[in-house]
Amino acid sequence: MPTPHNVSHAVRRSLKKLGSDIKTARLRRALPASVVAARAFTSRPTLQRIEAGDPGVGVGIYAAVL
C-alpha cells in the first residue's frame, strides 16, 4: 500500500541507511533472508523491501526485523 504523502529526502536517506545496516548485520551473522523473514513473521519480499529502505513498509515490520 503506498504512503499517503511524499516522504522527505532526509527520511528516504535514513531508511536507506537503516535498510543497509539491517542487511549488513544479517550477512555478518550469515543468516539467510528466509530465516530472518520467518523470525520477523513476514515474507522474503518484504524483508527485501526493508533492506532497500522502502518507506511503504510499516514501522512495526521494521521493528520486528530489528
PDB file of N, CA and C in Angstrom:
ATOM      1  N   MET A   1       0.843  -1.165   0.000  1.00  0.00           N
ATOM      2  CA  MET A   1       0.000   0.000   0.000  1.00  0.00           C
ATOM      3  C   MET A   1       0.896   1.239   0.000  1.00  0.00           C
ATOM      4  N   PRO A   2       0.689   2.172  -0.927  1.00  0.00           N
ATOM      5  CA  PRO A   2       1.539   3.360  -0.988  1.00  0.00           C
ATOM      6  C   PRO A   2       1.290   4.307   0.184  1.00  0.00           C
ATOM      7  N   THR A   3       2.317   5.073   0.506  1.00  0.00           N
ATOM      8  CA  THR A   3       2.172   6.041   1.584  1.00  0.00           C
ATOM      9  C   THR A   3       1.253   7.168   1.125  1.00  0.00           C
ATOM     10  N   PRO A   4       0.507   7.774   2.039  1.00  0.00           N
ATOM     11  CA  PRO A   4      -0.456   8.811   1.653  1.00  0.00           C
ATOM     12  C   PRO A   4       0.191  10.166   1.384  1.00  0.00           C
ATOM     13  N   HIS A   5       1.479  10.289   1.550  1.00  0.00           N
ATOM     14  CA  HIS A   5       2.147  11.569   1.337  1.00  0.00           C
ATOM     15  C   HIS A   5       3.546  11.343   0.774  1.00  0.00           C
ATOM     16  N   ASN A   6       4.144  12.399   0.308  1.00  0.00           N
ATOM     17  CA  ASN A   6       5.519  12.296  -0.187  1.00  0.00           C
ATOM     18  C   ASN A   6       6.472  12.272   0.996  1.00  0.00           C
ATOM     19  N   VAL A   7       7.407  11.355   0.944  1.00  0.00           N
ATOM     20  CA  VAL A   7       8.389  11.212   2.012  1.00  0.00           C
ATOM     21  C   VAL A   7       9.561  12.135   1.706  1.00  0.00           C
ATOM     22  N   SER A   8      10.029  12.836   2.719  1.00  0.00           N
ATOM     23  CA  SER A   8      11.124  13.787   2.518  1.00  0.00           C
ATOM     24  C   SER A   8      12.421  13.066   2.159  1.00  0.00           C
ATOM     25  N   HIS A   9      13.319  13.818   1.574  1.00  0.00           N
ATOM     26  CA  HIS A   9      14.622  13.281   1.183  1.00  0.00           C
ATOM     27  C   HIS A   9      15.382  12.764   2.412  1.00  0.00           C
ATOM     28  N   ALA A  10      15.309  13.484   3.509  1.00  0.00           N
ATOM     29  CA  ALA A  10      16.017  13.075   4.732  1.00  0.00           C
ATOM     30  C   ALA A  10      15.484  11.741   5.253  1.00  0.00           C
ATOM     31  N   VAL A  11      14.179  11.546   5.192  1.00  0.00           N
ATOM     32  CA  VAL A  11      13.584  10.290   5.656  1.00  0.00           C
ATOM     33  C   VAL A  11      13.989   9.154   4.728  1.00  0.00           C
ATOM     34  N   ARG A  12      13.946   9.390   3.430  1.00  0.00           N
ATOM     35  CA  ARG A  12      14.363   8.359   2.470  1.00  0.00           C
ATOM     36  C   ARG A  12      15.816   7.954   2.705  1.00  0.00           C
ATOM     37  N   ARG A  13      16.667   8.942   2.922  1.00  0.00           N
ATOM     38  CA  ARG A  13      18.086   8.673   3.168  1.00  0.00           C
ATOM     39  C   ARG A  13      18.266   7.855   4.450  1.00  0.00           C
ATOM     40  N   SER A  14      17.530   8.210   5.492  1.00  0.00           N
ATOM     41  CA  SER A  14      17.621   7.481   6.761  1.00  0.00           C
ATOM     42  C   SER A  14      17.139   6.040   6.622  1.00  0.00           C
ATOM     43  N   LEU A  15      16.052   5.835   5.884  1.00  0.00           N
ATOM     44  CA  LEU A  15      15.540   4.481   5.694  1.00  0.00           C
ATOM     45  C   LEU A  15      16.490   3.634   4.852  1.00  0.00           C
ATOM     46  N   LYS A  16      17.106   4.240   3.851  1.00  0.00           N
ATOM     47  CA  LYS A  16      18.092   3.506   3.050  1.00  0.00           C
ATOM     48  C   LYS A  16      19.280   3.087   3.920  1.00  0.00           C
ATOM     49  N   LYS A  17      19.719   3.974   4.800  1.00  0.00           N
ATOM     50  CA  LYS A  17      20.833   3.662   5.706  1.00  0.00           C
ATOM     51  C   LYS A  17      20.429   2.552   6.676  1.00  0.00           C
ATOM     52  N   LEU A  18      19.234   2.652   7.244  1.00  0.00           N
ATOM     53  CA  LEU A  18      18.746   1.628   8.160  1.00  0.00           C
ATOM     54  C   LEU A  18      18.644   0.279   7.444  1.00  0.00           C
ATOM     55  N   GLY A  19      18.077   0.280   6.243  1.00  0.00           N
ATOM     56  CA  GLY A  19      17.955  -0.950   5.475  1.00  0.00           C
ATOM     57  C   GLY A  19      19.310  -1.564   5.172  1.00  0.00           C
ATOM     58  N   SER A  20      20.254  -0.731   4.803  1.00  0.00           N
ATOM     59  CA  SER A  20      21.608  -1.194   4.522  1.00  0.00           C
ATOM     60  C   SER A  20      22.242  -1.788   5.778  1.00  0.00           C
ATOM     61  N   ASP A  21      22.052  -1.137   6.910  1.00  0.00           N
ATOM     62  CA  ASP A  21      22.598  -1.643   8.178  1.00  0.00           C
ATOM     63  C   ASP A  21      21.968  -2.986   8.562  1.00  0.00           C
ATOM     64  N   ILE A  22      20.676  -3.121   8.321  1.00  0.00           N
ATOM     65  CA  ILE A  22      19.985  -4.379   8.614  1.00  0.00           C
ATOM     66  C   ILE A  22      20.556  -5.495   7.744  1.00  0.00           C
ATOM     67  N   LYS A  23      20.725  -5.208   6.458  1.00  0.00           N
ATOM     68  CA  LYS A  23      21.272  -6.217   5.552  1.00  0.00           C
ATOM     69  C   LYS A  23      22.696  -6.595   5.941  1.00  0.00           C
ATOM     70  N   THR A  24      23.516  -5.601   6.278  1.00  0.00           N
ATOM     71  CA  THR A  24      24.891  -5.869   6.689  1.00  0.00           C
ATOM     72  C   THR A  24      24.920  -6.757   7.931  1.00  0.00           C
ATOM     73  N   ALA A  25      24.069  -6.461   8.901  1.00  0.00           N
ATOM     74  CA  ALA A  25      24.015  -7.268  10.132  1.00  0.00           C
ATOM     75  C   ALA A  25      23.589  -8.697   9.827  1.00  0.00           C
ATOM     76  N   ARG A  26      22.605  -8.845   8.936  1.00  0.00           N
ATOM     77  CA  ARG A  26      22.143 -10.189   8.568  1.00  0.00           C
ATOM     78  C   ARG A  26      23.264 -10.979   7.896  1.00  0.00           C
ATOM     79  N   LEU A  27      23.964 -10.341   6.985  1.00  0.00           N
ATOM     80  CA  LEU A  27      25.043 -11.026   6.269  1.00  0.00           C
ATOM     81  C   LEU A  27      26.218 -11.360   7.185  1.00  0.00           C
ATOM     82  N   ARG A  28      26.547 -10.466   8.114  1.00  0.00           N
ATOM     83  CA  ARG A  28      27.634 -10.744   9.064  1.00  0.00           C
ATOM     84  C   ARG A  28      27.320 -11.945   9.937  1.00  0.00           C
ATOM     85  N   ARG A  29      26.047 -12.126  10.218  1.00  0.00           N
ATOM     86  CA  ARG A  29      25.633 -13.263  11.043  1.00  0.00           C
ATOM     87  C   ARG A  29      25.382 -14.516  10.201  1.00  0.00           C
ATOM     88  N   ALA A  30      25.567 -14.382   8.894  1.00  0.00           N
ATOM     89  CA  ALA A  30      25.369 -15.489   7.944  1.00  0.00           C
ATOM     90  C   ALA A  30      23.959 -16.068   8.033  1.00  0.00           C
ATOM     91  N   LEU A  31      22.982 -15.172   8.202  1.00  0.00           N
ATOM     92  CA  LEU A  31      21.591 -15.602   8.268  1.00  0.00           C
ATOM     93  C   LEU A  31      20.940 -15.437   6.896  1.00  0.00           C
ATOM     94  N   PRO A  32      20.327 -16.485   6.382  1.00  0.00           N
ATOM     95  CA  PRO A  32      19.605 -16.349   5.115  1.00  0.00           C
ATOM     96  C   PRO A  32      18.385 -15.433   5.290  1.00  0.00           C
ATOM     97  N   ALA A  33      18.017 -14.769   4.216  1.00  0.00           N
ATOM     98  CA  ALA A  33      16.862 -13.863   4.262  1.00  0.00           C
ATOM     99  C   ALA A  33      15.600 -14.608   4.690  1.00  0.00           C
ATOM    100  N   SER A  34      15.461 -15.849   4.257  1.00  0.00           N
ATOM    101  CA  SER A  34      14.262 -16.617   4.608  1.00  0.00           C
ATOM    102  C   SER A  34      14.150 -16.838   6.114  1.00  0.00           C
ATOM    103  N   VAL A  35      15.276 -17.036   6.790  1.00  0.00           N
ATOM    104  CA  VAL A  35      15.266 -17.251   8.243  1.00  0.00           C
ATOM    105  C   VAL A  35      14.885 -15.954   8.962  1.00  0.00           C
ATOM    106  N   VAL A  36      15.489 -14.839   8.569  1.00  0.00           N
ATOM    107  CA  VAL A  36      15.178 -13.557   9.206  1.00  0.00           C
ATOM    108  C   VAL A  36      13.710 -13.204   8.979  1.00  0.00           C
ATOM    109  N   ALA A  37      13.229 -13.403   7.756  1.00  0.00           N
ATOM    110  CA  ALA A  37      11.831 -13.105   7.453  1.00  0.00           C
ATOM    111  C   ALA A  37      10.890 -13.959   8.302  1.00  0.00           C
ATOM    112  N   ALA A  38      11.188 -15.235   8.424  1.00  0.00           N
ATOM    113  CA  ALA A  38      10.335 -16.125   9.228  1.00  0.00           C
ATOM    114  C   ALA A  38      10.328 -15.707  10.694  1.00  0.00           C
ATOM    115  N   ARG A  39      11.495 -15.349  11.221  1.00  0.00           N
ATOM    116  CA  ARG A  39      11.574 -14.920  12.625  1.00  0.00           C
ATOM    117  C   ARG A  39      10.821 -13.615  12.871  1.00  0.00           C
ATOM    118  N   ALA A  40      10.724 -12.770  11.855  1.00  0.00           N
ATOM    119  CA  ALA A  40      10.010 -11.494  11.979  1.00  0.00           C
ATOM    120  C   ALA A  40       8.543 -11.623  11.563  1.00  0.00           C
ATOM    121  N   PHE A  41       8.113 -12.846  11.231  1.00  0.00           N
ATOM    122  CA  PHE A  41       6.737 -13.118  10.799  1.00  0.00           C
ATOM    123  C   PHE A  41       6.347 -12.277   9.590  1.00  0.00           C
ATOM    124  N   THR A  42       7.251 -12.224   8.622  1.00  0.00           N
ATOM    125  CA  THR A  42       6.987 -11.502   7.383  1.00  0.00           C
ATOM    126  C   THR A  42       7.504 -12.340   6.219  1.00  0.00           C
ATOM    127  N   SER A  43       7.377 -11.821   5.011  1.00  0.00           N
ATOM    128  CA  SER A  43       7.817 -12.558   3.827  1.00  0.00           C
ATOM    129  C   SER A  43       9.197 -12.091   3.370  1.00  0.00           C
ATOM    130  N   ARG A  44       9.837 -12.910   2.547  1.00  0.00           N
ATOM    131  CA  ARG A  44      11.144 -12.529   1.991  1.00  0.00           C
ATOM    132  C   ARG A  44      11.047 -11.264   1.152  1.00  0.00           C
ATOM    133  N   PRO A  45      10.014 -11.114   0.308  1.00  0.00           N
ATOM    134  CA  PRO A  45       9.925  -9.863  -0.464  1.00  0.00           C
ATOM    135  C   PRO A  45       9.813  -8.619   0.430  1.00  0.00           C
ATOM    136  N   THR A  46       9.113  -8.741   1.543  1.00  0.00           N
ATOM    137  CA  THR A  46       9.011  -7.608   2.462  1.00  0.00           C
ATOM    138  C   THR A  46      10.358  -7.327   3.104  1.00  0.00           C
ATOM    139  N   LEU A  47      11.092  -8.366   3.466  1.00  0.00           N
ATOM    140  CA  LEU A  47      12.437  -8.174   4.014  1.00  0.00           C
ATOM    141  C   LEU A  47      13.328  -7.491   2.982  1.00  0.00           C
ATOM    142  N   GLN A  48      13.213  -7.875   1.729  1.00  0.00           N
ATOM    143  CA  GLN A  48      13.997  -7.236   0.673  1.00  0.00           C
ATOM    144  C   GLN A  48      13.633  -5.756   0.552  1.00  0.00           C
ATOM    145  N   ARG A  49      12.363  -5.437   0.689  1.00  0.00           N
ATOM    146  CA  ARG A  49      11.930  -4.032   0.653  1.00  0.00           C
ATOM    147  C   ARG A  49      12.510  -3.262   1.835  1.00  0.00           C
ATOM    148  N   ILE A  50      12.558  -3.890   3.003  1.00  0.00           N
ATOM    149  CA  ILE A  50      13.137  -3.256   4.184  1.00  0.00           C
ATOM    150  C   ILE A  50      14.622  -2.983   3.957  1.00  0.00           C
ATOM    151  N   GLU A  51      15.321  -3.985   3.451  1.00  0.00           N
ATOM    152  CA  GLU A  51      16.756  -3.830   3.225  1.00  0.00           C
ATOM    153  C   GLU A  51      17.053  -2.789   2.147  1.00  0.00           C
ATOM    154  N   ALA A  52      16.072  -2.497   1.300  1.00  0.00           N
ATOM    155  CA  ALA A  52      16.217  -1.455   0.278  1.00  0.00           C
ATOM    156  C   ALA A  52      15.798  -0.087   0.815  1.00  0.00           C
ATOM    157  N   GLY A  53      15.212  -0.051   2.015  1.00  0.00           N
ATOM    158  CA  GLY A  53      14.789   1.215   2.613  1.00  0.00           C
ATOM    159  C   GLY A  53      13.451   1.726   2.114  1.00  0.00           C
ATOM    160  N   ASP A  54      12.568   0.835   1.742  1.00  0.00           N
ATOM    161  CA  ASP A  54      11.250   1.206   1.220  1.00  0.00           C
ATOM    162  C   ASP A  54      10.408   1.896   2.299  1.00  0.00           C
ATOM    163  N   PRO A  55       9.972   3.144   2.052  1.00  0.00           N
ATOM    164  CA  PRO A  55       9.157   3.852   3.050  1.00  0.00           C
ATOM    165  C   PRO A  55       7.725   3.338   3.126  1.00  0.00           C
ATOM    166  N   GLY A  56       7.328   2.464   2.203  1.00  0.00           N
ATOM    167  CA  GLY A  56       5.968   1.917   2.205  1.00  0.00           C
ATOM    168  C   GLY A  56       5.789   0.774   3.191  1.00  0.00           C
ATOM    169  N   VAL A  57       6.880   0.292   3.772  1.00  0.00           N
ATOM    170  CA  VAL A  57       6.780  -0.793   4.745  1.00  0.00           C
ATOM    171  C   VAL A  57       6.500  -0.180   6.111  1.00  0.00           C
ATOM    172  N   GLY A  58       5.585  -0.779   6.854  1.00  0.00           N
ATOM    173  CA  GLY A  58       5.220  -0.255   8.160  1.00  0.00           C
ATOM    174  C   GLY A  58       6.351  -0.299   9.169  1.00  0.00           C
ATOM    175  N   VAL A  59       6.350   0.664  10.052  1.00  0.00           N
ATOM    176  CA  VAL A  59       7.401   0.755  11.057  1.00  0.00           C
ATOM    177  C   VAL A  59       7.397  -0.461  11.988  1.00  0.00           C
ATOM    178  N   GLY A  60       6.244  -1.079  12.172  1.00  0.00           N
ATOM    179  CA  GLY A  60       6.166  -2.265  13.005  1.00  0.00           C
ATOM    180  C   GLY A  60       6.940  -3.429  12.409  1.00  0.00           C
ATOM    181  N   ILE A  61       6.931  -3.535  11.081  1.00  0.00           N
ATOM    182  CA  ILE A  61       7.686  -4.591  10.427  1.00  0.00           C
ATOM    183  C   ILE A  61       9.177  -4.327  10.540  1.00  0.00           C
ATOM    184  N   TYR A  62       9.571  -3.047  10.379  1.00  0.00           N
ATOM    185  CA  TYR A  62      10.979  -2.690  10.595  1.00  0.00           C
ATOM    186  C   TYR A  62      11.407  -3.099  12.005  1.00  0.00           C
ATOM    187  N   ALA A  63      10.558  -2.810  12.994  1.00  0.00           N
ATOM    188  CA  ALA A  63      10.883  -3.136  14.389  1.00  0.00           C
ATOM    189  C   ALA A  63      10.982  -4.655  14.581  1.00  0.00           C
ATOM    190  N   ALA A  64      10.100  -5.404  13.951  1.00  0.00           N
ATOM    191  CA  ALA A  64      10.128  -6.869  14.086  1.00  0.00           C
ATOM    192  C   ALA A  64      11.417  -7.436  13.514  1.00  0.00           C
ATOM    193  N   VAL A  65      11.885  -6.883  12.414  1.00  0.00           N
ATOM    194  CA  VAL A  65      13.130  -7.360  11.803  1.00  0.00           C
ATOM    195  C   VAL A  65      14.311  -7.009  12.691  1.00  0.00           C
ATOM    196  N   LEU A  66      14.287  -5.818  13.263  1.00  0.00           N
ATOM    197  CA  LEU A  66      15.380  -5.420  14.163  1.00  0.00           C
ATOM    198  C   LEU A  66      15.420  -6.312  15.385  1.00  0.00           C
TER     199      LEU A  66
END
